[in-house]
C-alpha atoms as a PDB file:
ATOM      1  CA  MET A   1    -136.062 169.305 168.009  1.00  0.00           C
ATOM      2  CA  TRP A   2    -137.558 171.084 164.971  1.00  0.00           C
ATOM      3  CA  SER A   3    -136.616 174.452 166.489  1.00  0.00           C
ATOM      4  CA  TRP A   4    -132.975 173.426 166.690  1.00  0.00           C
ATOM      5  CA  TYR A   5    -133.161 172.459 163.108  1.00  0.00           C
ATOM      6  CA  LEU A   6    -134.878 175.466 161.781  1.00  0.00           C
ATOM      7  CA  ALA A   7    -132.300 177.531 163.871  1.00  0.00           C
ATOM      8  CA  SER A   8    -129.335 175.813 162.228  1.00  0.00           C
ATOM      9  CA  ARG A   9    -130.728 176.062 158.798  1.00  0.00           C
ATOM     10  CA  ALA A  10    -131.193 179.909 159.385  1.00  0.00           C
ATOM     11  CA  LEU A  11    -127.698 180.233 160.709  1.00  0.00           C
ATOM     12  CA  CYS A  12    -126.456 178.497 157.654  1.00  0.00           C
ATOM     13  CA  LEU A  13    -128.415 180.871 155.377  1.00  0.00           C
ATOM     14  CA  LEU A  14    -127.258 183.970 157.349  1.00  0.00           C
ATOM     15  CA  LEU A  15    -123.601 182.708 156.950  1.00  0.00           C
ATOM     16  CA  LEU A  16    -124.031 182.453 153.061  1.00  0.00           C
ATOM     17  CA  VAL A  17    -125.063 186.165 152.729  1.00  0.00           C
ATOM     18  CA  PRO A  18    -121.499 187.433 152.546  1.00  0.00           C
ATOM     19  CA  GLU A  19    -120.733 184.909 149.969  1.00  0.00           C
ATOM     20  CA  SER A  20    -123.426 186.249 147.505  1.00  0.00           C
ATOM     21  CA  GLY A  21    -120.770 188.194 145.586  1.00  0.00           C
ATOM     22  CA  VAL A  22    -119.170 184.816 144.349  1.00  0.00           C
ATOM     23  CA  LEU A  23    -122.031 184.734 141.586  1.00  0.00           C
ATOM     24  CA  SER A  24    -120.805 188.074 140.210  1.00  0.00           C
ATOM     25  CA  ASP A  25    -117.477 186.511 138.770  1.00  0.00           C
ATOM     26  CA  ILE A  26    -119.656 183.693 136.958  1.00  0.00           C
ATOM     27  CA  THR A  27    -122.001 186.431 135.697  1.00  0.00           C
ATOM     28  CA  TYR A  28    -118.848 188.256 134.377  1.00  0.00           C
ATOM     29  CA  PHE A  29    -117.657 185.149 132.687  1.00  0.00           C
ATOM     30  CA  GLY A  30    -120.855 184.493 130.821  1.00  0.00           C
ATOM     31  CA  ARG A  31    -121.260 188.228 129.946  1.00  0.00           C
ATOM     32  CA  VAL A  32    -117.700 188.464 128.497  1.00  0.00           C
ATOM     33  CA  LEU A  33    -117.970 185.211 126.626  1.00  0.00           C
ATOM     34  CA  ALA A  34    -121.430 186.032 125.112  1.00  0.00           C
ATOM     35  CA  GLN A  35    -120.025 189.491 123.878  1.00  0.00           C
ATOM     36  CA  SER A  36    -116.531 188.547 122.678  1.00  0.00           C
ATOM     37  CA  GLY A  37    -116.558 184.734 122.276  1.00  0.00           C
ATOM     38  CA  PRO A  38    -114.013 182.318 123.554  1.00  0.00           C
ATOM     39  CA  SER A  39    -111.171 183.477 121.205  1.00  0.00           C
ATOM     40  CA  GLN A  40    -111.149 186.996 122.392  1.00  0.00           C
ATOM     41  CA  GLY A  41    -112.817 187.007 125.805  1.00  0.00           C
ATOM     42  CA  LEU A  42    -110.978 186.580 129.101  1.00  0.00           C
ATOM     43  CA  PRO A  43    -107.368 187.088 127.763  1.00  0.00           C
ATOM     44  CA  GLU A  44    -106.164 187.082 131.343  1.00  0.00           C
ATOM     45  CA  TYR A  45    -107.101 183.229 131.786  1.00  0.00           C
ATOM     46  CA  PRO A  46    -105.397 180.391 130.106  1.00  0.00           C
ATOM     47  CA  TRP A  47    -107.139 178.664 127.125  1.00  0.00           C
ATOM     48  CA  PRO A  48    -108.165 175.387 128.946  1.00  0.00           C
ATOM     49  CA  ALA A  49    -109.884 177.520 131.651  1.00  0.00           C
ATOM     50  CA  VAL A  50    -111.737 179.515 129.070  1.00  0.00           C
ATOM     51  CA  ALA A  51    -112.759 176.486 127.177  1.00  0.00           C
ATOM     52  CA  LEU A  52    -114.369 175.145 130.342  1.00  0.00           C
ATOM     53  CA  LEU A  53    -116.111 178.237 130.932  1.00  0.00           C
ATOM     54  CA  GLU A  54    -117.382 178.161 127.228  1.00  0.00           C
ATOM     55  CA  LEU A  55    -118.703 174.484 127.591  1.00  0.00           C
ATOM     56  CA  PRO A  56    -122.047 175.473 129.257  1.00  0.00           C
ATOM     57  CA  ARG A  57    -122.654 178.028 126.692  1.00  0.00           C
ATOM     58  CA  GLN A  58    -121.987 175.383 123.867  1.00  0.00           C
ATOM     59  CA  LEU A  59    -124.368 173.044 125.581  1.00  0.00           C
ATOM     60  CA  GLY A  60    -127.074 175.676 125.335  1.00  0.00           C
ATOM     61  CA  ALA A  61    -126.975 177.245 128.736  1.00  0.00           C
ATOM     62  CA  ALA A  62    -126.201 180.886 127.747  1.00  0.00           C
ATOM     63  CA  ASP A  63    -127.004 182.651 131.061  1.00  0.00           C
ATOM     64  CA  GLY A  64    -128.669 182.466 134.405  1.00  0.00           C
ATOM     65  CA  ALA A  65    -129.105 179.413 136.606  1.00  0.00           C
ATOM     66  CA  PRO A  66    -128.446 176.766 133.829  1.00  0.00           C
ATOM     67  CA  PHE A  67    -125.104 178.335 133.125  1.00  0.00           C
ATOM     68  CA  PHE A  68    -124.226 178.444 136.936  1.00  0.00           C
ATOM     69  CA  LEU A  69    -125.351 174.963 137.419  1.00  0.00           C
ATOM     70  CA  LEU A  70    -123.243 173.475 134.539  1.00  0.00           C
ATOM     71  CA  LEU A  71    -119.989 175.119 135.638  1.00  0.00           C
ATOM     72  CA  PRO A  72    -119.150 172.732 138.674  1.00  0.00           C
ATOM     73  CA  PRO A  73    -119.597 169.533 136.548  1.00  0.00           C
ATOM     74  CA  ALA A  74    -117.425 171.234 133.798  1.00  0.00           C
ATOM     75  CA  PHE A  75    -114.652 171.638 136.273  1.00  0.00           C
ATOM     76  CA  GLY A  76    -115.156 168.241 137.895  1.00  0.00           C
ATOM     77  CA  ALA A  77    -115.952 169.601 141.224  1.00  0.00           C
ATOM     78  CA  PRO A  78    -118.821 168.450 143.341  1.00  0.00           C
ATOM     79  CA  ALA A  79    -121.632 170.946 143.469  1.00  0.00           C
ATOM     80  CA  ASP A  80    -121.207 171.600 147.147  1.00  0.00           C
ATOM     81  CA  GLY A  81    -117.632 172.671 146.835  1.00  0.00           C
ATOM     82  CA  ALA A  82    -116.151 169.664 148.761  1.00  0.00           C
END
């Protein structure tokens, strides 16, 4: 029984490997907002989206995992993406 469970977890992790590039967008948002601020950074996005992306930074999560973890609640989505 444990072998099936471990095999299924390994398969799930292997399926996530192609998705690792998803965090590059979030890193880009954080980097641009840190350099230019919300008024000049990300002009290609509407201001409500930029305000939501800036919210974690205003709460003290400038970069890294805290910034990544505060974005799903800021957008009102569950962390599992459902």
